[in-house]
Protein backbone atom coordinates (compact mmCIF):
# COMPACT_ATOMS: atom_id res chain seq x y z
CA MET A 1 0.00 0.00 0.00
CA ARG A 2 2.82 2.40 0.88
CA SER A 3 4.54 1.68 -2.46
CA THR A 4 1.43 2.58 -4.47
CA THR A 5 0.94 5.74 -2.40
CA LEU A 6 4.48 6.92 -3.12
CA LEU A 7 4.22 5.85 -6.76
CA GLY A 8 0.99 7.80 -7.21
CA LEU A 9 2.43 10.96 -5.65
CA ILE A 10 5.60 10.72 -7.72
CA LEU A 11 3.66 10.11 -10.95
CA GLY A 12 1.21 12.92 -10.28
CA PHE A 13 3.64 15.64 -9.25
CA GLY A 14 6.30 14.36 -11.64
CA THR A 15 3.98 14.56 -14.65
CA ILE A 16 2.98 18.13 -13.87
CA TYR A 17 6.61 19.10 -13.27
CA LEU A 18 7.73 17.59 -16.59
CA VAL A 19 4.96 19.36 -18.50
CA ILE A 20 5.93 22.68 -16.92
CA ILE A 21 9.63 22.08 -17.66
CA ALA A 22 8.87 21.14 -21.26
CA ASP A 23 6.97 24.39 -21.69
CA GLY A 24 9.88 26.34 -20.23
CA SER A 25 7.67 28.14 -17.70
CA LEU A 26 8.98 26.81 -14.38
CA ALA A 27 9.82 30.29 -13.10
CA TYR A 28 6.25 31.42 -13.70
CA PHE A 29 4.75 28.56 -11.70
CA ALA A 30 7.30 28.82 -8.88
CA ASN A 31 5.44 31.62 -7.11
CA TRP A 32 6.27 31.53 -3.40
CA GLU A 33 3.50 33.99 -2.50
CA ALA A 34 0.88 31.73 -4.07
CA PHE A 35 2.35 28.70 -2.33
CA VAL A 36 2.30 30.40 1.07
CA ILE A 37 -1.30 31.60 0.67
CA VAL A 38 -2.58 28.12 -0.19
CA SER A 39 -0.39 26.02 2.11
CA MET A 40 -0.46 28.22 5.22
CA GLY A 41 -4.08 29.16 4.66
CA THR A 42 -5.12 25.51 4.46
CA ILE A 43 -3.03 24.56 7.51
CA SER A 44 -4.48 27.48 9.48
CA ALA A 45 -8.05 26.55 8.57
CA LEU A 46 -7.47 22.91 9.53
CA THR A 47 -5.90 23.98 12.82
CA ILE A 48 -9.00 26.04 13.60
CA TYR A 49 -11.38 23.31 12.44
CA PHE A 50 -9.86 20.33 14.29
CA THR A 51 -8.82 19.68 17.89
CA PRO A 52 -5.16 19.13 18.83
CA TYR A 53 -5.95 15.43 19.32
CA SER A 54 -7.41 15.19 15.81
CA LEU A 55 -4.40 16.97 14.33
CA ALA A 56 -1.94 14.67 16.08
CA THR A 57 -3.96 11.58 15.16
CA SER A 58 -4.18 12.59 11.50
CA PHE A 59 -0.43 13.07 11.12
CA LYS A 60 0.20 9.82 13.01
CA ILE A 61 -2.03 7.94 10.54
CA LEU A 62 -0.33 9.70 7.61
CA PHE A 63 3.07 8.57 8.89
CA ARG A 64 1.81 4.99 9.23
CA LEU A 65 0.50 5.11 5.68
CA PHE A 66 4.10 5.29 4.44
CA THR A 67 5.82 3.14 7.06
CA GLU A 68 3.49 0.45 8.41
CA ARG A 69 3.90 -3.11 7.24
CA GLN A 70 1.09 -4.45 5.06
CA ILE A 71 0.02 -8.09 4.80
CA SER A 72 -2.60 -9.69 2.58
CA ASP A 73 -5.60 -11.49 4.07
CA ALA A 74 -4.35 -14.81 2.67
CA ASN A 75 -0.90 -14.39 4.20
CA LEU A 76 -2.45 -13.30 7.48
CA VAL A 77 -4.56 -16.47 7.59
CA GLU A 78 -1.46 -18.59 6.97
CA LEU A 79 0.38 -16.72 9.72
CA MET A 80 -2.42 -17.29 12.22
CA VAL A 81 -2.59 -20.99 11.36
CA HIS A 82 1.18 -21.22 11.87
CA LEU A 83 0.85 -19.49 15.26
CA SER A 84 -1.96 -21.83 16.29
CA ARG A 85 0.24 -24.86 15.59
CA LYS A 86 3.14 -23.28 17.42
CA ALA A 87 0.94 -22.43 20.42
CA ARG A 88 0.00 -26.09 20.81
CA ARG A 89 3.69 -27.04 20.86
CA VAL A 90 5.28 -24.35 23.04
CA GLY A 91 2.45 -22.69 24.95
CA PHE A 92 1.17 -19.11 25.03
CA ILE A 93 4.03 -17.51 26.96
CA GLU A 94 6.81 -18.76 24.70
CA LEU A 95 4.66 -18.03 21.66
CA PHE A 96 4.39 -14.39 22.71
CA GLN A 97 8.09 -14.11 23.51
CA THR A 98 9.17 -15.56 20.17
CA THR A 99 6.82 -13.36 18.12
CA LYS A 100 7.76 -9.98 19.60
CA GLY A 101 8.50 -7.45 16.90
CA ILE A 102 6.33 -9.24 14.34
CA GLY A 103 5.27 -5.81 13.05
CA ILE A 104 1.51 -6.15 13.61
CA PRO A 105 0.70 -4.32 16.88
CA PHE A 106 -2.87 -5.63 17.13
CA LEU A 107 -1.66 -9.22 16.79
CA GLU A 108 1.10 -8.64 19.35
CA LYS A 109 -1.48 -7.33 21.81
CA GLY A 110 -3.67 -10.39 21.29
CA LEU A 111 -0.74 -12.74 21.88
CA MET A 112 0.21 -10.78 25.00
CA LEU A 113 -3.32 -11.25 26.37
CA LEU A 114 -3.01 -14.99 25.73
CA ALA A 115 0.33 -15.09 27.53
CA ASP A 116 -1.15 -13.21 30.50
CA GLY A 117 -3.84 -15.87 30.88
CA ILE A 118 -6.75 -13.44 30.45
CA GLU A 119 -10.22 -14.99 30.20
CA LYS A 120 -11.85 -15.40 26.79
CA ASP A 121 -14.63 -12.84 27.29
CA THR A 122 -12.18 -10.25 28.57
CA ILE A 123 -9.83 -10.82 25.64
CA GLU A 124 -12.72 -10.45 23.22
CA ASP A 125 -13.86 -7.20 24.86
CA ILE A 126 -10.34 -5.75 24.84
CA LEU A 127 -9.73 -6.63 21.20
CA VAL A 128 -13.10 -5.26 20.09
CA GLN A 129 -12.49 -2.00 21.94
CA GLU A 130 -8.98 -1.72 20.53
CA SER A 131 -10.21 -2.37 17.00
CA GLU A 132 -12.97 0.21 17.29
CA THR A 133 -10.51 2.79 18.63
CA ILE A 134 -8.16 2.23 15.68
CA TYR A 135 -11.10 2.45 13.28
CA ALA A 136 -12.25 5.74 14.84
CA GLU A 137 -8.74 7.22 14.61
CA HIS A 138 -8.59 6.45 10.90
CA LYS A 139 -12.00 8.07 10.38
CA ILE A 140 -10.68 11.22 12.06
CA ALA A 141 -7.64 11.24 9.74
CA GLU A 142 -9.82 10.57 6.69
CA ARG A 143 -12.07 13.52 7.57
CA PHE A 144 -9.02 15.72 8.22
CA PHE A 145 -7.52 15.19 4.77
CA ARG A 146 -10.86 15.28 3.00
CA THR A 147 -11.56 18.62 4.66
CA GLY A 148 -8.11 19.83 3.61
CA GLY A 149 -9.07 18.92 0.05
CA SER A 150 -12.06 21.25 0.37
CA PHE A 151 -10.13 24.12 1.95
CA SER A 152 -7.14 24.30 -0.41
CA PRO A 153 -9.10 25.28 -3.57
CA LEU A 154 -10.87 27.97 -1.53
CA PHE A 155 -7.55 29.51 -0.61
CA GLY A 156 -6.58 29.21 -4.26
CA ILE A 157 -9.61 31.33 -5.12
CA LEU A 158 -8.72 33.73 -2.30
CA GLY A 159 -5.27 34.19 -3.83
CA THR A 160 -6.89 34.81 -7.21
CA VAL A 161 -9.08 37.53 -5.73
CA MET A 162 -6.05 39.08 -3.99
CA GLY A 163 -4.14 39.08 -7.28
CA LEU A 164 -7.01 40.71 -9.16
CA ILE A 165 -7.37 43.38 -6.48
CA SER A 166 -3.64 44.08 -6.69
CA MET A 167 -3.82 44.21 -10.48
CA LEU A 168 -6.70 46.71 -10.43
CA HIS A 169 -4.93 48.77 -7.78
CA ASN A 170 -1.85 49.00 -10.00
CA ILE A 171 -3.73 49.48 -13.27
CA GLN A 172 -1.80 52.69 -13.85
CA ASN A 173 1.49 50.83 -13.42
CA PRO A 174 1.80 48.30 -16.27
CA GLN A 175 5.00 46.84 -14.83
CA ALA A 176 3.17 45.62 -11.70
CA ILE A 177 0.35 43.89 -13.60
CA PRO A 178 2.22 40.66 -14.61
CA ALA A 179 3.19 39.90 -10.99
CA ALA A 180 -0.38 40.46 -9.79
CA MET A 181 -1.77 38.34 -12.62
CA GLY A 182 0.73 35.60 -11.79
CA LEU A 183 -0.45 35.55 -8.18
CA ALA A 184 -4.07 35.49 -9.33
CA LEU A 185 -3.66 32.45 -11.56
CA VAL A 186 -0.96 30.41 -9.82
CA THR A 187 -2.74 30.35 -6.43
CA THR A 188 -5.71 28.65 -8.07
CA PHE A 189 -3.29 26.18 -9.65
CA TYR A 190 -1.69 25.38 -6.28
CA GLY A 191 -5.07 25.04 -4.60
CA LEU A 192 -6.23 22.50 -7.17
CA ILE A 193 -2.94 20.59 -7.05
CA PHE A 194 -3.02 20.27 -3.26
CA SER A 195 -6.62 19.10 -3.35
CA ALA A 196 -6.46 16.73 -6.33
CA LEU A 197 -3.01 15.20 -5.80
CA PHE A 198 -2.56 15.21 -2.04
CA PHE A 199 -5.47 15.81 0.32
CA LYS A 200 -8.29 13.91 -1.39
CA PRO A 201 -6.19 10.93 -2.60
CA ILE A 202 -4.68 10.58 0.88
CA ALA A 203 -8.17 10.69 2.41
CA GLY A 204 -9.29 7.95 0.02
CA LYS A 205 -6.20 5.87 0.77
CA ILE A 206 -6.81 6.14 4.51
CA HIS A 207 -10.43 5.07 3.99
CA ASN A 208 -9.40 1.99 2.00
CA LYS A 209 -6.66 1.14 4.51
CA ASN A 210 -9.11 1.49 7.39
CA GLU A 211 -11.67 -0.88 5.88
CA SER A 212 -8.98 -3.40 4.93
CA GLU A 213 -7.33 -3.38 8.34
CA PHE A 214 -10.67 -3.61 10.14
CA GLN A 215 -11.23 -6.89 8.30
CA LYS A 216 -7.74 -8.07 9.22
CA ARG A 217 -8.36 -7.30 12.88
CA LYS A 218 -11.50 -9.44 12.74
CA ILE A 219 -9.39 -12.30 11.40
CA ILE A 220 -6.80 -11.81 14.15
CA SER A 221 -9.43 -11.60 16.90
CA GLU A 222 -11.15 -14.76 15.73
CA ALA A 223 -7.80 -16.56 15.51
CA ILE A 224 -6.69 -15.45 18.99
CA LEU A 225 -9.92 -16.71 20.56
CA SER A 226 -9.68 -19.99 18.64
CA ILE A 227 -6.06 -20.47 19.70
CA GLN A 228 -7.02 -19.90 23.32
CA LYS A 229 -9.68 -22.61 23.06
CA GLY A 230 -7.10 -24.97 21.58
CA GLU A 231 -9.01 -25.57 18.37
CA ASN A 232 -7.59 -27.69 15.58
CA SER A 233 -5.40 -25.71 13.16
CA GLN A 234 -7.27 -26.95 10.10
CA ARG A 235 -10.58 -25.84 11.57
CA ILE A 236 -9.09 -22.45 12.38
CA LYS A 237 -7.85 -22.13 8.80
CA GLU A 238 -11.28 -22.93 7.36
CA ARG A 239 -12.99 -20.37 9.59
CA LEU A 240 -10.43 -17.65 8.93
CA THR A 241 -10.56 -18.27 5.19
CA THR A 242 -14.29 -17.61 5.34
CA PHE A 243 -13.59 -14.32 7.14
CA ALA A 244 -11.04 -13.35 4.50
CA LEU A 245 -13.45 -14.06 1.65
CA ASN A 246 -16.12 -11.90 3.27
């Protein structure tokens, strides 16, 4: 998932950059005033709109989007079946100790609960609550970036209005008109770029990641409870495969 996110950003911004370079108009598009109006305006609006917790959560989820390990449902099922077999051989405590750093925090927490000898109902409640908390955090981040995608074009329009006002104010000074016109047009360009190539795609990516990982957490929760009951590995695999298909 992180590779496609980076690839999409590189392709999008790279294509626009190459087109601008080919046209020989890089200096015209590199307008720092327009960039500041759109970027700082959008950040300011988001800071006003969201709570400090929502801001911190959104950037935390963004960081995870590029760094967190991803695993397919099929591979996750195979991993859980492997862990179920290992649990029957070595026990819950050694299973937890030998799987530390596996790179899936939710799974590590489930294995820790097994090692601590927590009762089934309590484990289920803890995992459900943890899963719902993670889901809610992703929804906050999704709304944050989707809202940013709505704000940035507005600040692009604001920059356009500012440029037009400046142009009309300096109508008697022809030398000042090109700079004002540049601000008027380039801010709209930046606003659209930020919205179409960053904020809204990131919001969509977080949404897809959230739904996918919610399904994976269901698989992990079901596997943890089945392992605790000492169910047969083949039976666990059949049940988890059904979860993955759904």
